[in-house]
Amino acid sequence: MTPPRYHLGCPVWSNRDWVGSLFSAGTKSKDFLRQYSAAFDTVEGNNCFYGLPKPEIVTRWRDESAPGFRFCFKFPRAISHDQRLRGVAAETTAFLERLKPLAEADKLGPSFLQLPPSFGPDALPVLHDYLTVLPKDFQVAVEVRHQAFFNKGEDERQLNRMLLELGIDRVMLDSRALFSAEPMDADTRTAQGKKPRLPVHAISLGPRPFIRFIGHPDVDANRPFLEPWLDKLALWLAEGREPYFFAHTPNNRHAPQLVRLVKEQLRARLAKALSDDSGV
């Protein structure tokens, strides 16, 4: 029996604060990806949001990352924010072509299309038209931030139906742990000022549930907020889905520790379920 497949990672692979913890002492930045991908099997990539990396850089990422590693890049802001999915055929083609070496090496996970808060229900036909022309083998998850998509009304139902019909997952953003923290330090205050505070709707509409968990700076303080996600992850794995879970913390200094906590807790949950099923 093939074991269930899930992916856990951080929002970046390069953070100098991790030298001496995730990375061995004295590690240079050129070796960050190699060591990161030996510890975790996926990463968010904001790189493409601000501009496409050079082809030789993408090739280097492909060659330096471990077998089975998955990059999950954010769509360029020129597509999602500047032009709001209109008239972006050339930009989309350039994005897909730039990531092609990773796709051919089976190192490309779902890319996430993060839409601005002003992208609301009236623009759903534009979103539908954009998603339907993407290559069928290109994995995508959509992140919305307009309040109407969190009110459990007809606008949200229309969005969910559309994504369900297309087999595309809706990104689940959970910032409750972050906002439960007292803003005692500059990093937490900055994160609370930048991250959205939206209701959490844990719903999987496609084959690859995509969770972005924005955590408390004290790793242990995240435990009660993680419990419902562990239940969901176990459920989705039992259904044959392939979830991706990304753990953020303020400044991401403690993101690796948070990912390890999720990994430890999820493995224990799955082992218990297996034991219960076997009657041991």
Protein backbone atom coordinates (compact mmCIF):
# COMPACT_ATOMS: atom_id res chain seq x y z
CA MET A 1 0.00 0.00 0.00
CA THR A 2 1.35 3.42 -0.98
CA PRO A 3 1.73 5.69 2.07
CA PRO A 4 -0.27 8.93 2.04
CA ARG A 5 1.61 11.84 0.52
CA TYR A 6 1.70 15.25 2.14
CA HIS A 7 4.06 18.22 1.96
CA LEU A 8 5.20 20.50 4.79
CA GLY A 9 7.39 23.55 4.40
CA CYS A 10 8.23 27.18 5.08
CA PRO A 11 7.41 30.33 3.11
CA VAL A 12 11.08 30.74 2.11
CA TRP A 13 14.15 28.54 1.88
CA SER A 14 16.69 31.28 2.53
CA ASN A 15 16.91 32.84 6.00
CA ARG A 16 20.24 33.63 7.66
CA ASP A 17 18.59 33.26 11.08
CA TRP A 18 18.48 29.51 10.42
CA VAL A 19 22.26 29.12 10.27
CA GLY A 20 23.23 26.99 13.24
CA SER A 21 19.75 25.48 13.58
CA LEU A 22 18.16 24.31 10.32
CA PHE A 23 21.41 24.97 8.48
CA SER A 24 24.74 23.76 9.80
CA ALA A 25 27.06 26.32 11.37
CA GLY A 26 28.92 28.40 8.82
CA THR A 27 26.60 27.57 5.92
CA LYS A 28 26.82 30.07 3.04
CA SER A 29 23.70 31.36 1.28
CA LYS A 30 24.59 29.43 -1.88
CA ASP A 31 24.01 26.20 0.06
CA PHE A 32 20.73 27.17 1.74
CA LEU A 33 18.44 25.47 -0.78
CA ARG A 34 20.41 22.22 -0.74
CA GLN A 35 20.21 22.00 3.06
CA TYR A 36 16.62 23.24 3.24
CA SER A 37 15.41 20.61 0.75
CA ALA A 38 17.15 17.90 2.75
CA ALA A 39 14.93 18.83 5.71
CA PHE A 40 11.60 19.73 4.06
CA ASP A 41 10.03 18.70 0.78
CA THR A 42 8.26 21.90 -0.29
CA VAL A 43 8.48 25.68 -0.08
CA GLU A 44 6.41 28.70 -0.98
CA GLY A 45 8.13 30.90 -3.52
CA ASN A 46 7.42 34.61 -3.52
CA ASN A 47 10.32 35.09 -5.94
CA CYS A 48 8.13 35.18 -9.03
CA PHE A 49 5.63 37.66 -7.54
CA TYR A 50 8.08 40.52 -7.96
CA GLY A 51 9.64 39.40 -11.22
CA LEU A 52 10.65 36.25 -13.05
CA PRO A 53 14.01 34.74 -12.10
CA LYS A 54 16.58 34.29 -14.82
CA PRO A 55 16.48 30.92 -16.62
CA GLU A 56 19.87 29.90 -15.24
CA ILE A 57 18.64 30.52 -11.69
CA VAL A 58 15.63 28.24 -12.23
CA THR A 59 17.97 25.58 -13.58
CA ARG A 60 20.15 25.95 -10.49
CA TRP A 61 17.12 25.54 -8.22
CA ARG A 62 16.21 22.37 -10.09
CA ASP A 63 19.71 20.95 -9.74
CA GLU A 64 20.32 21.93 -6.11
CA SER A 65 17.01 20.75 -4.63
CA ALA A 66 16.53 17.19 -3.43
CA PRO A 67 14.62 14.56 -5.44
CA GLY A 68 10.89 14.83 -4.84
CA PHE A 69 11.09 18.45 -3.72
CA ARG A 70 8.17 20.74 -4.73
CA PHE A 71 8.36 24.48 -5.39
CA CYS A 72 5.04 26.36 -5.03
CA PHE A 73 5.46 29.77 -6.62
CA LYS A 74 3.19 32.76 -6.34
CA PHE A 75 1.92 34.09 -9.67
CA PRO A 76 3.59 37.34 -10.74
CA ARG A 77 1.91 40.49 -9.46
CA ALA A 78 1.78 41.80 -13.05
CA ILE A 79 -0.82 39.07 -13.68
CA SER A 80 -2.76 39.06 -10.41
CA HIS A 81 -2.58 42.63 -9.10
CA ASP A 82 -1.49 45.03 -11.83
CA GLN A 83 -3.58 43.68 -14.70
CA ARG A 84 -6.04 41.65 -12.59
CA LEU A 85 -6.02 38.67 -14.99
CA ARG A 86 -6.99 40.79 -18.01
CA GLY A 87 -4.85 40.75 -21.14
CA VAL A 88 -2.10 38.70 -19.51
CA ALA A 89 -1.58 35.91 -22.06
CA ALA A 90 2.02 36.92 -22.73
CA GLU A 91 2.87 37.29 -19.03
CA THR A 92 1.29 33.92 -18.23
CA THR A 93 3.15 32.17 -21.03
CA ALA A 94 6.42 33.66 -19.79
CA PHE A 95 5.68 32.47 -16.23
CA LEU A 96 4.88 28.93 -17.35
CA GLU A 97 7.90 28.73 -19.63
CA ARG A 98 10.22 29.96 -16.89
CA LEU A 99 9.06 27.21 -14.54
CA LYS A 100 9.18 24.51 -17.20
CA PRO A 101 12.55 23.01 -16.10
CA LEU A 102 11.09 22.40 -12.64
CA ALA A 103 7.91 20.89 -14.07
CA GLU A 104 9.89 18.56 -16.32
CA ALA A 105 11.92 17.42 -13.31
CA ASP A 106 8.71 16.82 -11.31
CA LYS A 107 9.70 19.53 -8.85
CA LEU A 108 6.76 21.87 -9.31
CA GLY A 109 3.85 21.83 -6.88
CA PRO A 110 0.73 24.00 -7.07
CA SER A 111 1.47 27.62 -7.94
CA PHE A 112 -0.81 29.94 -6.02
CA LEU A 113 -2.75 32.78 -7.57
CA GLN A 114 -3.13 35.35 -4.80
CA LEU A 115 -5.77 37.92 -5.72
CA PRO A 116 -5.97 41.39 -4.13
CA PRO A 117 -8.69 42.31 -1.60
CA SER A 118 -10.41 44.45 -4.24
CA PHE A 119 -10.88 41.43 -6.55
CA GLY A 120 -14.50 40.67 -5.72
CA PRO A 121 -17.56 38.77 -6.96
CA ASP A 122 -18.02 40.93 -10.06
CA ALA A 123 -14.66 39.66 -11.32
CA LEU A 124 -15.47 35.95 -10.99
CA PRO A 125 -16.12 35.57 -14.74
CA VAL A 126 -12.63 36.97 -15.38
CA LEU A 127 -11.16 34.46 -12.94
CA HIS A 128 -13.08 31.62 -14.57
CA ASP A 129 -11.90 32.58 -18.05
CA TYR A 130 -8.31 32.85 -16.86
CA LEU A 131 -8.25 29.51 -15.08
CA THR A 132 -9.85 27.61 -17.96
CA VAL A 133 -7.08 28.57 -20.40
CA LEU A 134 -4.24 27.42 -18.14
CA PRO A 135 -2.69 24.08 -19.14
CA LYS A 136 -4.58 21.18 -17.60
CA ASP A 137 -1.40 19.71 -16.12
CA PHE A 138 -0.39 22.97 -14.44
CA GLN A 139 -1.28 22.74 -10.75
CA VAL A 140 -2.95 25.86 -9.30
CA ALA A 141 -4.48 27.02 -6.03
CA VAL A 142 -6.41 30.29 -5.74
CA GLU A 143 -6.21 32.66 -2.77
CA VAL A 144 -8.97 35.26 -2.46
CA ARG A 145 -9.11 38.10 0.07
CA HIS A 146 -12.33 39.97 -0.72
CA GLN A 147 -14.65 39.89 2.30
CA ALA A 148 -17.61 38.71 0.21
CA PHE A 149 -15.88 35.36 -0.30
CA PHE A 150 -15.89 34.71 3.46
CA ASN A 151 -19.52 35.52 4.29
CA LYS A 152 -20.92 32.05 3.48
CA GLY A 153 -23.35 33.70 1.08
CA GLU A 154 -24.07 33.26 -2.61
CA ASP A 155 -20.84 34.97 -3.67
CA GLU A 156 -18.75 32.46 -1.75
CA ARG A 157 -20.86 29.54 -2.95
CA GLN A 158 -20.39 30.70 -6.54
CA LEU A 159 -16.61 30.87 -6.10
CA ASN A 160 -16.47 27.45 -4.47
CA ARG A 161 -18.67 25.83 -7.12
CA MET A 162 -16.47 27.22 -9.86
CA LEU A 163 -13.25 25.96 -8.29
CA LEU A 164 -14.84 22.59 -7.52
CA GLU A 165 -15.92 22.16 -11.13
CA LEU A 166 -12.42 23.05 -12.31
CA GLY A 167 -10.73 20.78 -9.75
CA ILE A 168 -8.75 23.71 -8.34
CA ASP A 169 -8.14 24.20 -4.65
CA ARG A 170 -8.86 27.36 -2.73
CA VAL A 171 -5.93 28.47 -0.56
CA MET A 172 -6.81 28.32 3.15
CA LEU A 173 -5.14 31.16 5.06
CA ASP A 174 -5.20 30.92 8.85
CA SER A 175 -3.78 33.90 10.75
CA ARG A 176 -5.61 33.31 14.07
CA ALA A 177 -2.48 32.20 15.92
CA LEU A 178 -0.58 35.30 14.81
CA PHE A 179 -3.31 37.65 15.98
CA SER A 180 -3.61 35.84 19.31
CA ALA A 181 -0.07 37.02 20.16
CA GLU A 182 0.61 40.14 22.17
CA PRO A 183 2.45 42.58 19.86
CA MET A 184 5.42 42.83 22.20
CA ASP A 185 8.15 42.83 19.56
CA ALA A 186 8.69 44.62 16.26
CA ASP A 187 8.45 41.47 14.12
CA THR A 188 5.06 40.52 15.55
CA ARG A 189 3.74 44.07 15.20
CA THR A 190 4.92 44.19 11.60
CA ALA A 191 3.37 40.82 10.78
CA GLN A 192 0.06 41.77 12.38
CA GLY A 193 0.07 44.99 10.38
CA LYS A 194 0.64 43.23 7.06
CA LYS A 195 -1.13 39.88 7.25
CA PRO A 196 -4.87 39.67 6.53
CA ARG A 197 -7.29 38.80 9.30
CA LEU A 198 -10.03 36.83 7.60
CA PRO A 199 -12.39 34.03 8.64
CA VAL A 200 -10.95 30.56 8.16
CA HIS A 201 -12.93 28.29 5.86
CA ALA A 202 -11.31 24.87 5.84
CA ILE A 203 -12.61 23.41 2.62
CA SER A 204 -10.85 21.33 0.01
CA LEU A 205 -12.20 21.74 -3.51
CA GLY A 206 -9.49 19.93 -5.45
CA PRO A 207 -6.92 17.17 -5.05
CA ARG A 208 -4.26 19.25 -3.26
CA PRO A 209 -5.49 21.16 -0.19
CA PHE A 210 -3.26 24.21 0.26
CA ILE A 211 -2.90 25.72 3.77
CA ARG A 212 -0.95 28.84 4.72
CA PHE A 213 -0.71 28.94 8.53
CA ILE A 214 0.52 32.23 9.99
CA GLY A 215 1.77 31.29 13.41
CA HIS A 216 2.37 32.69 16.86
CA PRO A 217 6.03 33.63 17.53
CA ASP A 218 6.07 31.16 20.45
CA VAL A 219 6.03 27.82 18.63
CA ASP A 220 4.31 25.92 21.46
CA ALA A 221 1.51 28.51 21.57
CA ASN A 222 0.43 27.28 18.12
CA ARG A 223 -0.59 23.83 19.37
CA PRO A 224 -4.31 24.55 19.98
CA PHE A 225 -4.58 26.33 16.62
CA LEU A 226 -2.97 23.37 14.85
CA GLU A 227 -5.29 20.72 16.30
CA PRO A 228 -8.17 21.30 13.82
CA TRP A 229 -5.72 21.29 10.92
CA LEU A 230 -4.25 17.97 12.01
CA ASP A 231 -7.77 16.52 11.93
CA LYS A 232 -8.33 17.96 8.47
CA LEU A 233 -4.99 16.76 7.14
CA ALA A 234 -5.65 13.24 8.38
CA LEU A 235 -9.10 13.32 6.78
CA TRP A 236 -7.82 14.58 3.45
CA LEU A 237 -5.07 11.99 3.40
CA ALA A 238 -7.63 9.26 4.07
CA GLU A 239 -9.60 10.60 1.09
CA GLY A 240 -6.53 10.22 -1.13
CA ARG A 241 -5.75 13.93 -1.39
CA GLU A 242 -2.23 15.37 -1.35
CA PRO A 243 -2.16 18.37 1.02
CA TYR A 244 0.41 21.15 1.23
CA PHE A 245 0.92 22.95 4.54
CA PHE A 246 3.11 26.04 4.89
CA ALA A 247 4.02 27.41 8.31
CA HIS A 248 4.85 31.10 8.75
CA THR A 249 5.98 32.95 11.87
CA PRO A 250 6.86 36.64 12.34
CA ASN A 251 10.08 37.18 10.38
CA ASN A 252 9.94 33.38 9.82
CA ARG A 253 12.75 32.96 12.34
CA HIS A 254 10.90 30.08 13.99
CA ALA A 255 9.16 28.70 10.90
CA PRO A 256 11.34 25.54 10.73
CA GLN A 257 10.52 24.68 14.35
CA LEU A 258 6.83 25.15 13.60
CA VAL A 259 7.04 22.89 10.54
CA ARG A 260 8.77 20.25 12.64
CA LEU A 261 6.01 20.49 15.25
CA VAL A 262 3.35 19.95 12.57
CA LYS A 263 5.31 17.01 11.16
CA GLU A 264 5.70 15.41 14.58
CA GLN A 265 2.04 15.89 15.50
CA LEU A 266 0.73 14.70 12.14
CA ARG A 267 2.88 11.57 12.15
CA ALA A 268 1.62 10.73 15.63
CA ARG A 269 -1.97 11.29 14.49
CA LEU A 270 -1.56 9.08 11.44
CA ALA A 271 0.22 6.34 13.40
CA LYS A 272 -2.59 6.29 15.94
CA ALA A 273 -5.21 6.08 13.21
CA LEU A 274 -3.34 3.18 11.62
CA SER A 275 -3.08 1.43 14.97
CA ASP A 276 -6.79 1.93 15.65
CA ASP A 277 -7.72 0.59 12.23
CA SER A 278 -5.59 -2.52 12.72
CA GLY A 279 -7.07 -3.17 16.15
CA VAL A 280 -3.71 -3.01 17.91
